[in-house]
């Protein structure tokens, strides 16, 4: 048993050493850009509803979380296509929350983070 635990401990240590190797920034950025490209090509219509066991609008929390990540990507890689995509999404939803302003459900409010980010970039827009 002790030998097993020793081998397990060494294996975990070895795995941690290998997995903690630094990845070049350009490879990381390339991966992020590629993942985002996939998403934008899969969902070119920012207002397309999401259909699982039922139909939901595209400003639910799962999509809001994506747009929060898109805004973070835009800050470190300012591609105008990212900004335009986010603005189009907000405009499609009239900068509104799913289920309106009376909602107390955080899932419905997630899209607001992107609206705030866009507003802070350009307060003249009606994104908030």
N, C-alpha and C. Protein backbone atom coordinates (compact mmCIF):
# COMPACT_ATOMS: atom_id res chain seq x y z
N UNK A 1 0.83 -1.20 0.00
CA UNK A 1 0.00 0.00 0.00
C UNK A 1 0.87 1.25 0.00
N UNK A 2 1.92 1.28 0.83
CA UNK A 2 2.80 2.44 0.88
C UNK A 2 3.47 2.68 -0.47
N UNK A 3 3.86 1.58 -1.12
CA UNK A 3 4.51 1.71 -2.43
C UNK A 3 3.52 2.31 -3.43
N UNK A 4 2.27 1.88 -3.38
CA UNK A 4 1.23 2.41 -4.25
C UNK A 4 1.06 3.91 -4.04
N UNK A 5 1.00 4.34 -2.77
CA UNK A 5 0.84 5.75 -2.46
C UNK A 5 2.05 6.56 -2.92
N UNK A 6 3.24 5.99 -2.81
CA UNK A 6 4.45 6.67 -3.27
C UNK A 6 4.42 6.86 -4.78
N UNK A 7 4.06 5.81 -5.49
CA UNK A 7 3.98 5.89 -6.95
C UNK A 7 2.90 6.90 -7.35
N UNK A 8 1.76 6.86 -6.67
CA UNK A 8 0.69 7.80 -6.95
C UNK A 8 1.15 9.23 -6.69
N UNK A 9 1.81 9.46 -5.58
CA UNK A 9 2.31 10.80 -5.24
C UNK A 9 3.31 11.30 -6.27
N UNK A 10 4.23 10.47 -6.67
CA UNK A 10 5.22 10.86 -7.68
C UNK A 10 4.54 11.13 -9.01
N UNK A 11 3.55 10.32 -9.36
CA UNK A 11 2.82 10.52 -10.61
C UNK A 11 2.10 11.87 -10.61
N UNK A 12 1.46 12.19 -9.50
CA UNK A 12 0.76 13.48 -9.40
C UNK A 12 1.75 14.63 -9.50
N UNK A 13 2.88 14.53 -8.81
CA UNK A 13 3.90 15.56 -8.86
C UNK A 13 4.42 15.72 -10.30
N UNK A 14 4.71 14.62 -10.96
CA UNK A 14 5.20 14.65 -12.33
C UNK A 14 4.17 15.30 -13.26
N UNK A 15 2.90 14.91 -13.10
CA UNK A 15 1.84 15.48 -13.92
C UNK A 15 1.74 16.99 -13.70
N UNK A 16 1.83 17.43 -12.45
CA UNK A 16 1.76 18.86 -12.16
C UNK A 16 2.93 19.61 -12.78
N UNK A 17 4.10 19.03 -12.75
CA UNK A 17 5.26 19.68 -13.37
C UNK A 17 5.07 19.82 -14.87
N UNK A 18 4.57 18.77 -15.51
CA UNK A 18 4.36 18.81 -16.95
C UNK A 18 3.25 19.81 -17.31
N UNK A 19 2.15 19.75 -16.58
CA UNK A 19 1.01 20.59 -16.93
C UNK A 19 1.22 22.05 -16.57
N UNK A 20 2.20 22.36 -15.74
CA UNK A 20 2.42 23.75 -15.36
C UNK A 20 3.44 24.44 -16.25
N UNK A 21 3.88 23.75 -17.30
CA UNK A 21 4.81 24.38 -18.24
C UNK A 21 4.11 25.57 -18.88
N UNK A 22 4.84 26.64 -19.07
CA UNK A 22 4.22 27.83 -19.63
C UNK A 22 3.95 27.65 -21.12
N UNK A 23 2.83 28.17 -21.54
CA UNK A 23 2.44 28.14 -22.94
C UNK A 23 2.69 29.54 -23.49
N UNK A 24 3.34 29.63 -24.65
CA UNK A 24 3.60 30.97 -25.21
C UNK A 24 2.31 31.77 -25.39
N UNK A 25 2.39 33.07 -25.14
CA UNK A 25 1.21 33.93 -25.22
C UNK A 25 0.56 33.89 -26.60
N UNK A 26 1.38 33.82 -27.64
CA UNK A 26 0.80 33.81 -28.98
C UNK A 26 -0.02 32.54 -29.24
N UNK A 27 0.39 31.42 -28.66
CA UNK A 27 -0.39 30.19 -28.80
C UNK A 27 -1.71 30.29 -28.05
N UNK A 28 -1.66 30.90 -26.89
CA UNK A 28 -2.87 31.09 -26.11
C UNK A 28 -3.84 32.01 -26.85
N UNK A 29 -3.31 33.13 -27.37
CA UNK A 29 -4.16 34.07 -28.11
C UNK A 29 -4.73 33.40 -29.35
N UNK A 30 -3.93 32.64 -30.06
CA UNK A 30 -4.42 31.94 -31.26
C UNK A 30 -5.56 31.00 -30.92
N UNK A 31 -5.44 30.30 -29.81
CA UNK A 31 -6.50 29.38 -29.39
C UNK A 31 -7.78 30.14 -29.03
N UNK A 32 -7.63 31.27 -28.36
CA UNK A 32 -8.80 32.06 -27.98
C UNK A 32 -9.49 32.62 -29.22
N UNK A 33 -8.70 33.12 -30.16
CA UNK A 33 -9.26 33.68 -31.40
C UNK A 33 -9.96 32.58 -32.20
N UNK A 34 -9.35 31.41 -32.27
CA UNK A 34 -9.95 30.29 -33.00
C UNK A 34 -11.27 29.85 -32.36
N UNK A 35 -11.29 29.74 -31.05
CA UNK A 35 -12.52 29.34 -30.35
C UNK A 35 -13.63 30.37 -30.59
N UNK A 36 -13.28 31.65 -30.54
CA UNK A 36 -14.27 32.68 -30.76
C UNK A 36 -14.75 32.70 -32.20
N UNK A 37 -13.84 32.47 -33.13
CA UNK A 37 -14.20 32.41 -34.55
C UNK A 37 -15.24 31.31 -34.76
N UNK A 38 -15.00 30.16 -34.14
CA UNK A 38 -15.95 29.06 -34.23
C UNK A 38 -17.33 29.50 -33.74
N UNK A 39 -17.39 30.17 -32.60
CA UNK A 39 -18.67 30.58 -32.03
C UNK A 39 -19.37 31.57 -32.96
N UNK A 40 -18.64 32.58 -33.42
CA UNK A 40 -19.25 33.61 -34.26
C UNK A 40 -19.73 33.04 -35.60
N UNK A 41 -19.03 32.05 -36.11
CA UNK A 41 -19.47 31.42 -37.36
C UNK A 41 -20.66 30.49 -37.12
N UNK A 42 -20.69 29.83 -35.97
CA UNK A 42 -21.81 28.94 -35.64
C UNK A 42 -23.08 29.73 -35.36
N UNK A 43 -22.95 30.92 -34.76
CA UNK A 43 -24.09 31.76 -34.38
C UNK A 43 -23.97 33.14 -35.04
N UNK A 44 -24.02 33.23 -36.37
CA UNK A 44 -23.87 34.55 -37.02
C UNK A 44 -25.04 35.49 -36.72
N UNK A 45 -26.22 34.92 -36.46
CA UNK A 45 -27.40 35.71 -36.13
C UNK A 45 -27.44 35.87 -34.62
N UNK A 46 -27.12 37.08 -34.14
CA UNK A 46 -27.03 37.32 -32.69
C UNK A 46 -28.37 37.17 -31.97
N UNK A 47 -29.45 37.23 -32.70
CA UNK A 47 -30.77 37.12 -32.08
C UNK A 47 -31.40 35.75 -32.20
N UNK A 48 -30.71 34.81 -32.83
CA UNK A 48 -31.27 33.47 -33.02
C UNK A 48 -31.55 32.84 -31.67
N UNK A 49 -32.75 32.34 -31.51
CA UNK A 49 -33.12 31.72 -30.25
C UNK A 49 -32.33 30.44 -30.02
N UNK A 50 -32.24 30.07 -28.76
CA UNK A 50 -31.53 28.86 -28.36
C UNK A 50 -32.59 27.80 -28.08
N UNK A 51 -32.43 26.67 -28.72
CA UNK A 51 -33.43 25.61 -28.56
C UNK A 51 -32.76 24.39 -27.94
N UNK A 52 -33.25 24.02 -26.76
CA UNK A 52 -32.85 22.78 -26.10
C UNK A 52 -34.14 21.99 -25.90
N UNK A 53 -34.54 21.76 -24.66
CA UNK A 53 -35.84 21.12 -24.44
C UNK A 53 -36.97 22.12 -24.66
N UNK A 54 -36.61 23.41 -24.75
CA UNK A 54 -37.57 24.46 -25.11
C UNK A 54 -36.81 25.62 -25.73
N UNK A 55 -37.52 26.58 -26.25
CA UNK A 55 -36.90 27.72 -26.93
C UNK A 55 -36.66 28.86 -25.95
N UNK A 56 -35.47 29.45 -26.05
CA UNK A 56 -35.11 30.57 -25.16
C UNK A 56 -34.50 31.70 -26.00
N UNK A 57 -34.64 32.94 -25.53
CA UNK A 57 -34.02 34.05 -26.27
C UNK A 57 -32.49 34.01 -26.14
N UNK A 58 -31.82 34.72 -27.01
CA UNK A 58 -30.35 34.67 -27.00
C UNK A 58 -29.70 35.57 -25.96
N UNK A 59 -30.47 36.18 -25.09
CA UNK A 59 -29.86 36.98 -24.02
C UNK A 59 -29.97 36.29 -22.66
N UNK A 60 -30.02 34.95 -22.67
CA UNK A 60 -30.01 34.21 -21.41
C UNK A 60 -28.58 34.13 -20.88
N UNK A 61 -28.42 33.58 -19.70
CA UNK A 61 -27.12 33.62 -19.02
C UNK A 61 -26.03 32.91 -19.79
N UNK A 62 -26.33 31.83 -20.47
CA UNK A 62 -25.26 31.12 -21.18
C UNK A 62 -24.68 31.98 -22.28
N UNK A 63 -25.53 32.68 -22.98
CA UNK A 63 -25.05 33.56 -24.04
C UNK A 63 -24.42 34.82 -23.42
N UNK A 64 -24.99 35.29 -22.33
CA UNK A 64 -24.40 36.45 -21.64
C UNK A 64 -22.99 36.17 -21.18
N UNK A 65 -22.76 34.95 -20.71
CA UNK A 65 -21.42 34.56 -20.27
C UNK A 65 -20.45 34.58 -21.44
N UNK A 66 -20.90 34.10 -22.61
CA UNK A 66 -20.04 34.16 -23.79
C UNK A 66 -19.66 35.61 -24.08
N UNK A 67 -20.64 36.51 -24.08
CA UNK A 67 -20.36 37.90 -24.41
C UNK A 67 -19.44 38.57 -23.39
N UNK A 68 -19.53 38.18 -22.14
CA UNK A 68 -18.57 38.69 -21.15
C UNK A 68 -17.15 38.28 -21.55
N UNK A 69 -17.00 37.03 -21.97
CA UNK A 69 -15.69 36.56 -22.44
C UNK A 69 -15.26 37.28 -23.71
N UNK A 70 -16.21 37.54 -24.60
CA UNK A 70 -15.89 38.27 -25.83
C UNK A 70 -15.37 39.67 -25.51
N UNK A 71 -15.97 40.32 -24.54
CA UNK A 71 -15.51 41.66 -24.16
C UNK A 71 -14.09 41.59 -23.57
N UNK A 72 -13.81 40.56 -22.81
CA UNK A 72 -12.46 40.39 -22.26
C UNK A 72 -11.46 40.15 -23.40
N UNK A 73 -11.85 39.34 -24.37
CA UNK A 73 -10.99 39.10 -25.53
C UNK A 73 -10.78 40.39 -26.30
N UNK A 74 -11.81 41.17 -26.47
CA UNK A 74 -11.70 42.44 -27.19
C UNK A 74 -10.70 43.38 -26.51
N UNK A 75 -10.69 43.36 -25.18
CA UNK A 75 -9.78 44.25 -24.46
C UNK A 75 -8.31 43.91 -24.70
N UNK A 76 -8.00 42.65 -24.94
CA UNK A 76 -6.61 42.28 -25.18
C UNK A 76 -6.30 42.06 -26.66
N UNK A 77 -7.34 41.99 -27.49
CA UNK A 77 -7.18 41.80 -28.93
C UNK A 77 -8.31 42.57 -29.62
N UNK A 78 -8.17 43.90 -29.71
CA UNK A 78 -9.29 44.75 -30.16
C UNK A 78 -9.65 44.60 -31.64
N UNK A 79 -10.31 43.52 -31.95
CA UNK A 79 -10.81 43.29 -33.30
C UNK A 79 -12.18 43.95 -33.42
N UNK A 80 -12.37 44.87 -34.35
CA UNK A 80 -13.66 45.55 -34.48
C UNK A 80 -14.84 44.59 -34.69
N UNK A 81 -14.59 43.43 -35.27
CA UNK A 81 -15.68 42.45 -35.47
C UNK A 81 -16.24 42.00 -34.13
N UNK A 82 -15.40 41.88 -33.11
CA UNK A 82 -15.87 41.47 -31.77
C UNK A 82 -16.81 42.53 -31.20
N UNK A 83 -16.38 43.77 -31.31
CA UNK A 83 -17.17 44.87 -30.78
C UNK A 83 -18.51 44.97 -31.52
N UNK A 84 -18.47 44.88 -32.84
CA UNK A 84 -19.69 44.96 -33.63
C UNK A 84 -20.66 43.83 -33.30
N UNK A 85 -20.11 42.65 -33.08
CA UNK A 85 -20.93 41.48 -32.74
C UNK A 85 -21.64 41.72 -31.41
N UNK A 86 -20.92 42.22 -30.43
CA UNK A 86 -21.51 42.48 -29.12
C UNK A 86 -22.56 43.59 -29.19
N UNK A 87 -22.25 44.64 -29.93
CA UNK A 87 -23.21 45.75 -30.06
C UNK A 87 -24.47 45.26 -30.77
N UNK A 88 -24.30 44.47 -31.81
CA UNK A 88 -25.47 43.94 -32.54
C UNK A 88 -26.35 43.11 -31.62
N UNK A 89 -25.73 42.33 -30.74
CA UNK A 89 -26.47 41.51 -29.79
C UNK A 89 -27.28 42.39 -28.85
N UNK A 90 -26.64 43.42 -28.29
CA UNK A 90 -27.34 44.33 -27.39
C UNK A 90 -28.47 45.06 -28.10
N UNK A 91 -28.20 45.54 -29.31
CA UNK A 91 -29.23 46.26 -30.06
C UNK A 91 -30.41 45.34 -30.38
N UNK A 92 -30.13 44.10 -30.75
CA UNK A 92 -31.20 43.16 -31.05
C UNK A 92 -32.15 43.03 -29.85
N UNK A 93 -31.58 42.98 -28.67
CA UNK A 93 -32.39 42.81 -27.45
C UNK A 93 -32.81 44.14 -26.85
N UNK A 94 -32.56 45.22 -27.60
CA UNK A 94 -32.93 46.58 -27.15
C UNK A 94 -32.34 46.86 -25.77
N UNK A 95 -31.14 46.32 -25.55
CA UNK A 95 -30.40 46.50 -24.31
C UNK A 95 -31.21 46.05 -23.09
N UNK A 96 -32.07 45.12 -23.31
CA UNK A 96 -32.96 44.67 -22.23
C UNK A 96 -32.58 43.31 -21.66
N UNK A 97 -33.14 43.05 -20.51
CA UNK A 97 -32.95 41.79 -19.81
C UNK A 97 -34.03 40.80 -20.21
N UNK A 98 -33.67 39.53 -20.21
CA UNK A 98 -34.70 38.52 -20.42
C UNK A 98 -35.69 38.65 -19.27
N UNK A 99 -36.94 38.65 -19.57
CA UNK A 99 -38.03 38.79 -18.60
C UNK A 99 -38.14 40.20 -18.03
N UNK A 100 -37.49 41.18 -18.64
CA UNK A 100 -37.68 42.57 -18.26
C UNK A 100 -36.97 43.01 -17.00
N UNK A 101 -37.21 44.25 -16.61
CA UNK A 101 -36.49 44.84 -15.49
C UNK A 101 -36.99 44.39 -14.12
N UNK A 102 -38.13 43.73 -14.08
CA UNK A 102 -38.66 43.27 -12.80
C UNK A 102 -38.05 41.95 -12.34
N UNK A 103 -37.30 41.30 -13.22
CA UNK A 103 -36.76 39.98 -12.90
C UNK A 103 -35.79 40.06 -11.72
N UNK A 104 -35.84 39.05 -10.88
CA UNK A 104 -34.89 38.96 -9.78
C UNK A 104 -33.95 37.78 -9.99
N UNK A 105 -34.08 37.13 -11.15
CA UNK A 105 -33.28 35.98 -11.47
C UNK A 105 -31.95 36.42 -12.08
N UNK A 106 -30.86 36.07 -11.45
CA UNK A 106 -29.54 36.45 -11.94
C UNK A 106 -29.25 35.94 -13.33
N UNK A 107 -29.85 34.79 -13.69
CA UNK A 107 -29.67 34.26 -15.04
C UNK A 107 -30.16 35.26 -16.08
N UNK A 108 -31.22 35.96 -15.75
CA UNK A 108 -31.79 36.93 -16.68
C UNK A 108 -30.98 38.23 -16.74
N UNK A 109 -30.16 38.47 -15.74
CA UNK A 109 -29.43 39.72 -15.64
C UNK A 109 -28.00 39.65 -16.18
N UNK A 110 -27.53 38.47 -16.51
CA UNK A 110 -26.14 38.27 -16.93
C UNK A 110 -25.78 39.14 -18.14
N UNK A 111 -26.71 39.30 -19.06
CA UNK A 111 -26.43 40.09 -20.26
C UNK A 111 -26.07 41.54 -19.90
N UNK A 112 -26.54 42.00 -18.75
CA UNK A 112 -26.25 43.38 -18.33
C UNK A 112 -24.77 43.69 -18.18
N UNK A 113 -23.96 42.69 -17.86
CA UNK A 113 -22.52 42.93 -17.73
C UNK A 113 -21.92 43.40 -19.05
N UNK A 114 -22.33 42.77 -20.13
CA UNK A 114 -21.83 43.18 -21.45
C UNK A 114 -22.36 44.57 -21.80
N UNK A 115 -23.61 44.82 -21.49
CA UNK A 115 -24.17 46.15 -21.75
C UNK A 115 -23.37 47.22 -21.01
N UNK A 116 -23.01 46.94 -19.77
CA UNK A 116 -22.22 47.89 -18.98
C UNK A 116 -20.83 48.07 -19.59
N UNK A 117 -20.19 46.97 -19.98
CA UNK A 117 -18.86 47.07 -20.62
C UNK A 117 -18.93 47.94 -21.87
N UNK A 118 -19.95 47.73 -22.69
CA UNK A 118 -20.08 48.52 -23.91
C UNK A 118 -20.36 49.99 -23.60
N UNK A 119 -21.17 50.23 -22.60
CA UNK A 119 -21.47 51.60 -22.19
C UNK A 119 -20.21 52.31 -21.71
N UNK A 120 -19.40 51.61 -20.92
CA UNK A 120 -18.17 52.23 -20.42
C UNK A 120 -17.19 52.56 -21.55
N UNK A 121 -17.26 51.83 -22.64
CA UNK A 121 -16.41 52.12 -23.79
C UNK A 121 -16.91 53.35 -24.55
N UNK A 122 -18.23 53.52 -24.57
CA UNK A 122 -18.83 54.63 -25.31
C UNK A 122 -20.14 55.02 -24.65
N UNK A 123 -20.08 55.95 -23.68
CA UNK A 123 -21.30 56.34 -22.94
C UNK A 123 -22.39 56.96 -23.81
N UNK A 124 -22.07 57.36 -25.04
CA UNK A 124 -23.10 57.95 -25.90
C UNK A 124 -24.05 56.90 -26.45
N UNK A 125 -23.66 55.63 -26.42
CA UNK A 125 -24.54 54.56 -26.90
C UNK A 125 -25.64 54.29 -25.87
N UNK A 126 -26.72 53.78 -26.32
CA UNK A 126 -27.86 53.48 -25.43
C UNK A 126 -27.79 52.06 -24.91
N UNK A 127 -26.61 51.65 -24.48
CA UNK A 127 -26.42 50.25 -24.08
C UNK A 127 -26.71 49.98 -22.61
N UNK A 128 -27.18 50.96 -21.91
CA UNK A 128 -27.47 50.74 -20.50
C UNK A 128 -28.81 51.40 -20.15
